[in-house]
Amino acid sequence: MPSHKNIHTPQQLLSAGLIDQADLPKIEQVYQHYAIGIPPTIQKQITSAGDVIAQQVVPSAQELLRTPQEATDPIGDERFSPLPGIVHRYKDRALLKPIHICPLYCRFCFRREKVGPNHGLLTDDELDNALEWIASHSDISEIILTGGDPLMLSFRRLKMILERLEALPHITTIRIHTRVPIAMPETITPSLLEYLKNYPKALWVGIHINHAAEMGAEACQAIKKLAQCGLPLFGQTVLLNGINNSAAALETLFKTMVANRIKPYYLHQLDHAPGTQHFHVPISEGLALLKQLRGKVTGLAWPTYVLDIPGGYGKVPLGPNYITHQPCHETNASPFLEITDPQGKPHTIPL
């Protein structure tokens, strides 16, 4: 039975029937390294101990395993962090991470070494320094609020941050990356909605969803409220073994997103964080899955499949390539492309 309280410890997992007594010693070991957090809304969506939601949020002994390619900072945030709370990888935009607490702790998270109750908030001085740094970099036009989860901030603190960003002429666009509408929809309060609705700058909300089963009635209601404020919503999904690595699961997820006014934006190849190998899906399989979806989902439901190159070298698209023959300009023949359609039939297209 779901609890009315967050689950934060292995013993609470055991009491909720989400792990077996025999699993407890190993889960205690995992807990020494990585936070646990499963709020009531997510608990209600779990139908069995091994379902597609439980696999994402209930710790496993497999998290104690390590592979050579795994790294504590798999996408190289640290090398692009000039001061606490800032990551500046691309010239025109920067991440602002004011909080390192999440509504739930995903077992595959690429920042799993950096998030959890023990990591808390930026101090007032650290936050002020981060905002001053943004103010001094006029080539930055977009700020991505992430963390942790920025919607876990108090309304007062979130409002202060947004007001400071609003006052900077060179900041035109702000993104909020969040799992809150799915995990803690009660946090989407009328006062928050009213403020976001009237925010004068372009404000986008990115919602992390990996499976349609996460989108229960409460989550969809919170998403609807955000959409009714006129906020553009986009979805981020991680390709995960045993959870969404089938064409049927992805098709249902992306169509459900669109039906709830969320544009699927990125399908992420899993980052190699420690203890996450059991979630890994080979890139070749991801490409094959997208090919299976072509023609089955509207373009509105089509995300960009991306890889964050390990070490901090940025994201690159991995989308399936239908070109099987590149043009040759070394002869007098008219250049052409040979393209294979989603059914495997070749087509010659003149350039």
Protein backbone atom coordinates (compact mmCIF):
# COMPACT_ATOMS: atom_id res chain seq x y z
CA MET A 1 0.00 0.00 0.00
CA PRO A 2 1.31 3.48 -0.80
CA SER A 3 2.40 5.61 2.12
CA HIS A 4 1.25 9.16 2.76
CA LYS A 5 4.91 10.03 3.31
CA ASN A 6 8.05 9.99 1.22
CA ILE A 7 10.11 6.84 1.30
CA HIS A 8 13.72 7.73 2.11
CA THR A 9 15.32 4.64 3.69
CA PRO A 10 15.85 0.95 2.93
CA GLN A 11 13.71 0.01 5.93
CA GLN A 12 10.83 2.09 4.54
CA LEU A 13 11.25 0.32 1.20
CA LEU A 14 10.97 -2.99 3.00
CA SER A 15 7.86 -1.90 4.91
CA ALA A 16 6.24 -0.79 1.65
CA GLY A 17 6.92 -4.17 0.05
CA LEU A 18 9.23 -2.68 -2.58
CA ILE A 19 12.21 -4.84 -1.61
CA ASP A 20 12.55 -8.25 0.06
CA GLN A 21 14.19 -8.89 3.41
CA ALA A 22 16.99 -10.75 1.62
CA ASP A 23 17.74 -7.62 -0.43
CA LEU A 24 18.07 -5.34 2.58
CA PRO A 25 21.85 -5.68 3.25
CA LYS A 26 22.74 -4.81 -0.36
CA ILE A 27 20.25 -1.94 -0.49
CA GLU A 28 21.77 -0.59 2.72
CA GLN A 29 25.11 -0.52 0.91
CA VAL A 30 23.59 1.35 -2.03
CA TYR A 31 22.02 3.81 0.41
CA GLN A 32 25.49 4.69 1.74
CA HIS A 33 26.28 6.16 -1.69
CA TYR A 34 23.02 7.33 -3.27
CA ALA A 35 19.89 8.98 -1.93
CA ILE A 36 16.46 7.33 -1.94
CA GLY A 37 13.28 9.33 -2.46
CA ILE A 38 9.88 8.07 -3.59
CA PRO A 39 7.00 10.50 -2.96
CA PRO A 40 3.41 9.31 -2.43
CA THR A 41 2.24 10.14 -5.97
CA ILE A 42 4.92 7.89 -7.45
CA GLN A 43 4.21 5.18 -4.88
CA LYS A 44 0.59 5.09 -6.07
CA GLN A 45 1.74 4.57 -9.66
CA ILE A 46 3.83 1.51 -8.77
CA THR A 47 1.84 -1.64 -9.47
CA SER A 48 4.49 -4.21 -8.53
CA ALA A 49 7.99 -4.28 -7.10
CA GLY A 50 9.58 -4.69 -10.53
CA ASP A 51 7.38 -2.56 -12.78
CA VAL A 52 8.59 0.20 -15.09
CA ILE A 53 8.29 2.87 -12.40
CA ALA A 54 9.75 0.82 -9.56
CA GLN A 55 12.81 0.02 -11.65
CA GLN A 56 13.48 3.75 -12.02
CA VAL A 57 13.17 4.70 -8.35
CA VAL A 58 13.75 1.61 -6.15
CA PRO A 59 17.46 0.96 -5.52
CA SER A 60 18.98 -2.28 -6.74
CA ALA A 61 22.06 -4.28 -5.79
CA GLN A 62 23.17 -3.82 -9.42
CA GLU A 63 24.04 -0.23 -8.51
CA LEU A 64 27.04 -1.60 -6.60
CA LEU A 65 28.58 -2.87 -9.86
CA ARG A 66 31.03 -0.73 -11.81
CA THR A 67 32.22 -0.81 -15.41
CA PRO A 68 35.37 0.87 -16.82
CA GLN A 69 33.46 3.45 -18.87
CA GLU A 70 31.47 4.76 -15.89
CA ALA A 71 32.48 8.07 -14.30
CA THR A 72 31.31 10.16 -11.36
CA ASP A 73 30.95 13.16 -13.71
CA PRO A 74 30.04 11.41 -16.97
CA ILE A 75 29.22 14.52 -19.02
CA GLY A 76 32.02 16.71 -17.67
CA ASP A 77 30.03 19.33 -15.76
CA GLU A 78 32.93 20.04 -13.43
CA ARG A 79 35.37 21.18 -16.10
CA PHE A 80 32.83 23.79 -17.24
CA SER A 81 31.88 25.00 -13.75
CA PRO A 82 33.61 28.34 -13.05
CA LEU A 83 31.96 28.59 -9.63
CA PRO A 84 29.40 26.66 -7.54
CA GLY A 85 25.99 26.46 -9.20
CA ILE A 86 27.11 27.38 -12.73
CA VAL A 87 27.91 25.16 -15.71
CA HIS A 88 28.92 27.04 -18.88
CA ARG A 89 29.49 24.60 -21.72
CA TYR A 90 27.96 26.55 -24.62
CA LYS A 91 28.63 30.22 -25.38
CA ASP A 92 25.03 31.48 -25.42
CA ARG A 93 23.61 29.58 -22.46
CA ALA A 94 24.46 28.35 -18.99
CA LEU A 95 23.07 26.07 -16.32
CA LEU A 96 22.12 27.51 -12.94
CA LYS A 97 21.85 24.79 -10.28
CA PRO A 98 20.46 26.48 -7.14
CA ILE A 99 19.41 23.23 -5.44
CA HIS A 100 20.69 19.67 -5.32
CA ILE A 101 17.51 18.08 -3.95
CA CYS A 102 15.03 16.17 -6.14
CA PRO A 103 11.41 15.12 -5.65
CA LEU A 104 12.57 11.55 -6.34
CA TYR A 105 15.97 10.02 -6.95
CA CYS A 106 16.22 8.23 -10.27
CA ARG A 107 18.52 5.21 -10.12
CA PHE A 108 20.14 6.10 -13.48
CA CYS A 109 20.79 9.82 -12.83
CA PHE A 110 23.99 11.22 -14.33
CA ARG A 111 24.29 13.57 -11.34
CA ARG A 112 23.65 10.87 -8.75
CA GLU A 113 26.96 11.67 -7.02
CA LYS A 114 25.92 15.32 -6.59
CA VAL A 115 22.25 15.20 -5.54
CA GLY A 116 20.44 14.24 -2.37
CA PRO A 117 19.34 15.74 0.95
CA ASN A 118 22.95 15.99 2.15
CA HIS A 119 23.84 18.29 -0.75
CA GLY A 120 21.07 20.84 -0.11
CA LEU A 121 20.97 24.35 -1.55
CA LEU A 122 23.49 26.87 -2.70
CA THR A 123 24.18 29.21 0.19
CA ASP A 124 22.92 32.78 -0.10
CA ASP A 125 26.46 33.92 -0.96
CA GLU A 126 26.96 31.15 -3.52
CA LEU A 127 23.63 31.95 -5.19
CA ASP A 128 24.42 35.67 -5.22
CA ASN A 129 27.83 34.97 -6.76
CA ALA A 130 26.26 32.74 -9.42
CA LEU A 131 23.70 35.39 -10.35
CA GLU A 132 26.41 38.07 -10.43
CA TRP A 133 28.43 35.83 -12.73
CA ILE A 134 25.45 35.57 -15.09
CA ALA A 135 25.02 39.35 -14.95
CA SER A 136 28.65 39.84 -16.00
CA HIS A 137 28.41 37.56 -19.06
CA SER A 138 26.41 39.50 -21.64
CA ASP A 139 26.96 36.86 -24.35
CA ILE A 140 24.66 34.50 -22.44
CA SER A 141 21.02 34.82 -23.48
CA GLU A 142 19.53 31.61 -22.01
CA ILE A 143 19.59 30.23 -18.48
CA ILE A 144 18.60 26.65 -17.70
CA LEU A 145 17.44 26.19 -14.11
CA THR A 146 18.25 22.65 -13.10
CA GLY A 147 19.88 20.85 -10.21
CA GLY A 148 18.45 18.91 -8.39
CA ASP A 149 15.02 20.20 -9.25
CA PRO A 150 14.39 23.96 -9.20
CA LEU A 151 10.69 23.48 -8.43
CA MET A 152 11.76 22.00 -5.09
CA LEU A 153 12.84 25.50 -4.08
CA SER A 154 10.54 27.52 -1.87
CA PHE A 155 8.30 29.83 -3.89
CA ARG A 156 10.06 32.80 -2.28
CA ARG A 157 13.53 31.65 -3.37
CA LEU A 158 12.46 30.63 -6.87
CA LYS A 159 10.70 33.98 -7.32
CA MET A 160 13.82 35.84 -6.18
CA ILE A 161 15.97 33.98 -8.71
CA LEU A 162 13.55 34.61 -11.56
CA GLU A 163 13.29 38.29 -10.62
CA ARG A 164 17.07 38.63 -10.64
CA LEU A 165 17.19 37.02 -14.09
CA GLU A 166 14.30 39.18 -15.30
CA ALA A 167 16.36 42.29 -14.49
CA LEU A 168 19.20 41.25 -16.84
CA PRO A 169 18.61 42.66 -20.36
CA HIS A 170 20.79 40.04 -22.07
CA ILE A 171 18.80 37.12 -20.63
CA THR A 172 15.89 36.52 -23.01
CA THR A 173 15.01 32.89 -22.33
CA ILE A 174 14.76 30.77 -19.19
CA ARG A 175 14.17 27.05 -18.95
CA ILE A 176 13.05 25.14 -15.88
CA HIS A 177 13.97 21.45 -15.99
CA THR A 178 11.83 19.47 -13.58
CA ARG A 179 10.35 16.15 -12.51
CA VAL A 180 7.99 17.80 -9.99
CA PRO A 181 4.78 17.71 -12.10
CA ILE A 182 5.18 13.92 -12.33
CA ALA A 183 6.53 13.20 -8.85
CA MET A 184 5.01 15.87 -6.61
CA PRO A 185 2.17 17.52 -8.56
CA GLU A 186 0.84 19.13 -5.37
CA THR A 187 3.87 21.44 -5.55
CA ILE A 188 2.32 23.15 -8.61
CA THR A 189 0.38 25.63 -6.45
CA PRO A 190 -1.97 28.44 -7.54
CA SER A 191 0.54 31.08 -6.39
CA LEU A 192 3.31 29.47 -8.44
CA LEU A 193 1.08 29.18 -11.49
CA GLU A 194 -0.04 32.80 -11.22
CA TYR A 195 3.56 33.99 -11.02
CA LEU A 196 4.77 31.88 -13.93
CA LYS A 197 1.77 32.90 -16.03
CA ASN A 198 2.71 36.56 -15.72
CA TYR A 199 6.47 36.21 -16.01
CA PRO A 200 7.53 38.72 -18.68
CA LYS A 201 10.33 36.77 -20.34
CA ALA A 202 10.22 33.61 -22.43
CA LEU A 203 9.88 30.80 -19.90
CA TRP A 204 9.95 27.15 -20.98
CA VAL A 205 9.32 24.10 -18.79
CA GLY A 206 11.07 20.81 -19.54
CA ILE A 207 9.46 17.78 -17.89
CA HIS A 208 11.39 14.52 -17.50
CA ILE A 209 9.16 11.52 -18.27
CA ASN A 210 10.39 8.05 -19.23
CA HIS A 211 7.21 6.00 -19.46
CA ALA A 212 3.52 6.73 -20.03
CA ALA A 213 2.73 4.95 -16.75
CA GLU A 214 4.23 7.94 -14.91
CA MET A 215 1.49 10.18 -16.26
CA GLY A 216 -1.30 9.45 -13.80
CA ALA A 217 -4.34 11.62 -13.24
CA GLU A 218 -2.65 13.93 -10.72
CA ALA A 219 0.40 14.42 -12.91
CA CYS A 220 -1.70 15.15 -15.98
CA GLN A 221 -3.74 17.68 -14.02
CA ALA A 222 -0.56 19.50 -12.92
CA ILE A 223 0.72 19.47 -16.51
CA LYS A 224 -2.61 20.82 -17.74
CA LYS A 225 -2.39 23.71 -15.28
CA LEU A 226 1.08 24.61 -16.51
CA ALA A 227 -0.07 24.48 -20.13
CA GLN A 228 -3.09 26.65 -19.35
CA CYS A 229 -0.69 29.33 -18.14
CA GLY A 230 0.60 29.54 -21.69
CA LEU A 231 3.94 27.97 -20.77
CA PRO A 232 5.53 25.97 -23.59
CA LEU A 233 6.21 22.45 -22.34
CA PHE A 234 8.79 20.04 -23.69
CA GLY A 235 9.66 16.52 -22.66
CA GLN A 236 12.95 14.82 -21.90
CA THR A 237 13.29 11.05 -21.83
CA VAL A 238 16.19 8.71 -21.13
CA LEU A 239 16.32 5.48 -23.12
CA LEU A 240 16.36 2.76 -20.45
CA ASN A 241 16.71 -1.00 -20.70
CA GLY A 242 13.65 -2.86 -19.44
CA ILE A 243 11.62 0.35 -19.13
CA ASN A 244 11.11 2.02 -22.48
CA ASN A 245 13.40 0.22 -24.95
CA SER A 246 10.57 -0.96 -27.20
CA ALA A 247 8.89 0.81 -30.07
CA ALA A 248 5.49 0.29 -28.40
CA ALA A 249 6.58 1.90 -25.12
CA LEU A 250 8.14 4.90 -26.86
CA GLU A 251 5.19 5.33 -29.20
CA THR A 252 2.72 5.35 -26.30
CA LEU A 253 4.91 7.71 -24.27
CA PHE A 254 5.41 10.26 -27.02
CA LYS A 255 1.76 10.21 -28.07
CA THR A 256 0.70 10.63 -24.43
CA MET A 257 3.07 13.58 -24.09
CA VAL A 258 1.63 15.29 -27.15
CA ALA A 259 -1.93 14.62 -25.97
CA ASN A 260 -0.97 16.48 -22.78
CA ARG A 261 0.58 19.37 -24.73
CA ILE A 262 4.18 18.35 -24.12
CA LYS A 263 6.49 18.36 -27.15
CA PRO A 264 8.96 15.43 -26.96
CA TYR A 265 12.31 17.20 -27.19
CA TYR A 266 15.19 14.86 -26.39
CA LEU A 267 15.50 11.10 -26.15
CA HIS A 268 18.77 10.80 -24.24
CA GLN A 269 21.25 7.99 -24.64
CA LEU A 270 22.05 6.95 -21.08
CA ASP A 271 25.08 8.66 -19.55
CA HIS A 272 27.61 6.31 -17.97
CA ALA A 273 27.14 7.23 -14.31
CA PRO A 274 28.41 4.73 -11.71
CA GLY A 275 26.22 1.68 -11.17
CA THR A 276 23.91 2.27 -14.13
CA GLN A 277 25.08 -0.34 -16.64
CA HIS A 278 21.95 -2.45 -16.18
CA PHE A 279 19.94 0.42 -17.70
CA HIS A 280 22.18 0.72 -20.77
CA VAL A 281 20.68 0.30 -24.25
CA PRO A 282 23.17 0.06 -27.15
CA ILE A 283 23.05 3.01 -29.54
CA SER A 284 22.40 0.61 -32.42
CA GLU A 285 19.22 -0.52 -30.64
CA GLY A 286 18.15 3.08 -30.04
CA LEU A 287 18.56 3.89 -33.74
CA ALA A 288 16.57 0.81 -34.71
CA LEU A 289 13.76 1.82 -32.32
CA LEU A 290 13.49 5.27 -33.90
CA LYS A 291 13.35 3.73 -37.36
CA GLN A 292 10.44 1.59 -36.19
CA LEU A 293 8.63 4.73 -35.00
CA ARG A 294 8.96 6.60 -38.28
CA GLY A 295 5.51 6.82 -39.83
CA LYS A 296 3.82 5.66 -36.62
CA VAL A 297 3.98 8.94 -34.72
CA THR A 298 3.32 12.50 -35.82
CA GLY A 299 6.27 14.83 -36.22
CA LEU A 300 5.05 16.60 -33.10
CA ALA A 301 5.85 13.41 -31.19
CA TRP A 302 9.30 12.90 -32.69
CA PRO A 303 12.22 13.71 -30.33
CA THR A 304 15.87 14.18 -31.19
CA TYR A 305 17.89 11.15 -30.09
CA VAL A 306 21.04 12.58 -28.49
CA LEU A 307 24.31 11.47 -26.95
CA ASP A 308 26.16 13.66 -24.47
CA ILE A 309 29.74 12.86 -25.45
CA PRO A 310 31.57 11.70 -22.30
CA GLY A 311 33.98 14.22 -20.82
CA GLY A 312 32.00 17.38 -21.52
CA TYR A 313 32.16 17.67 -25.30
CA GLY A 314 28.47 18.40 -25.73
CA LYS A 315 25.40 16.77 -27.21
CA VAL A 316 25.23 15.34 -30.72
CA PRO A 317 22.15 14.01 -32.53
CA LEU A 318 22.07 10.28 -33.24
CA GLY A 319 18.92 10.11 -35.35
CA PRO A 320 18.63 7.26 -37.86
CA ASN A 321 20.15 8.04 -41.23
CA TYR A 322 18.18 7.01 -44.30
CA ILE A 323 20.93 8.05 -46.75
CA THR A 324 22.67 4.94 -48.11
CA HIS A 325 24.64 6.62 -50.92
CA GLN A 326 26.27 10.06 -50.74
CA PRO A 327 26.50 12.29 -53.86
CA CYS A 328 29.65 12.14 -55.97
CA HIS A 329 30.69 15.35 -57.73
CA GLU A 330 33.75 13.91 -59.49
CA THR A 331 31.89 12.79 -62.61
CA ASN A 332 29.66 14.54 -65.09
CA ALA A 333 26.64 12.65 -63.80
CA SER A 334 24.01 14.62 -61.92
CA PRO A 335 24.56 14.18 -58.18
CA PHE A 336 21.92 12.27 -56.28
CA LEU A 337 21.12 10.71 -52.95
CA GLU A 338 20.02 7.15 -52.51
CA ILE A 339 17.59 7.03 -49.59
CA THR A 340 15.94 4.05 -47.95
CA ASP A 341 12.40 4.65 -46.74
CA PRO A 342 11.11 3.33 -43.37
CA GLN A 343 9.94 0.13 -45.12
CA GLY A 344 13.43 -0.51 -46.49
CA LYS A 345 12.72 0.44 -50.12
CA PRO A 346 15.50 2.48 -51.85
CA HIS A 347 14.77 5.77 -53.65
CA THR A 348 17.03 7.87 -55.88
CA ILE A 349 16.62 11.60 -55.21
CA PRO A 350 18.30 14.12 -57.56
CA LEU A 351 19.99 17.11 -55.93
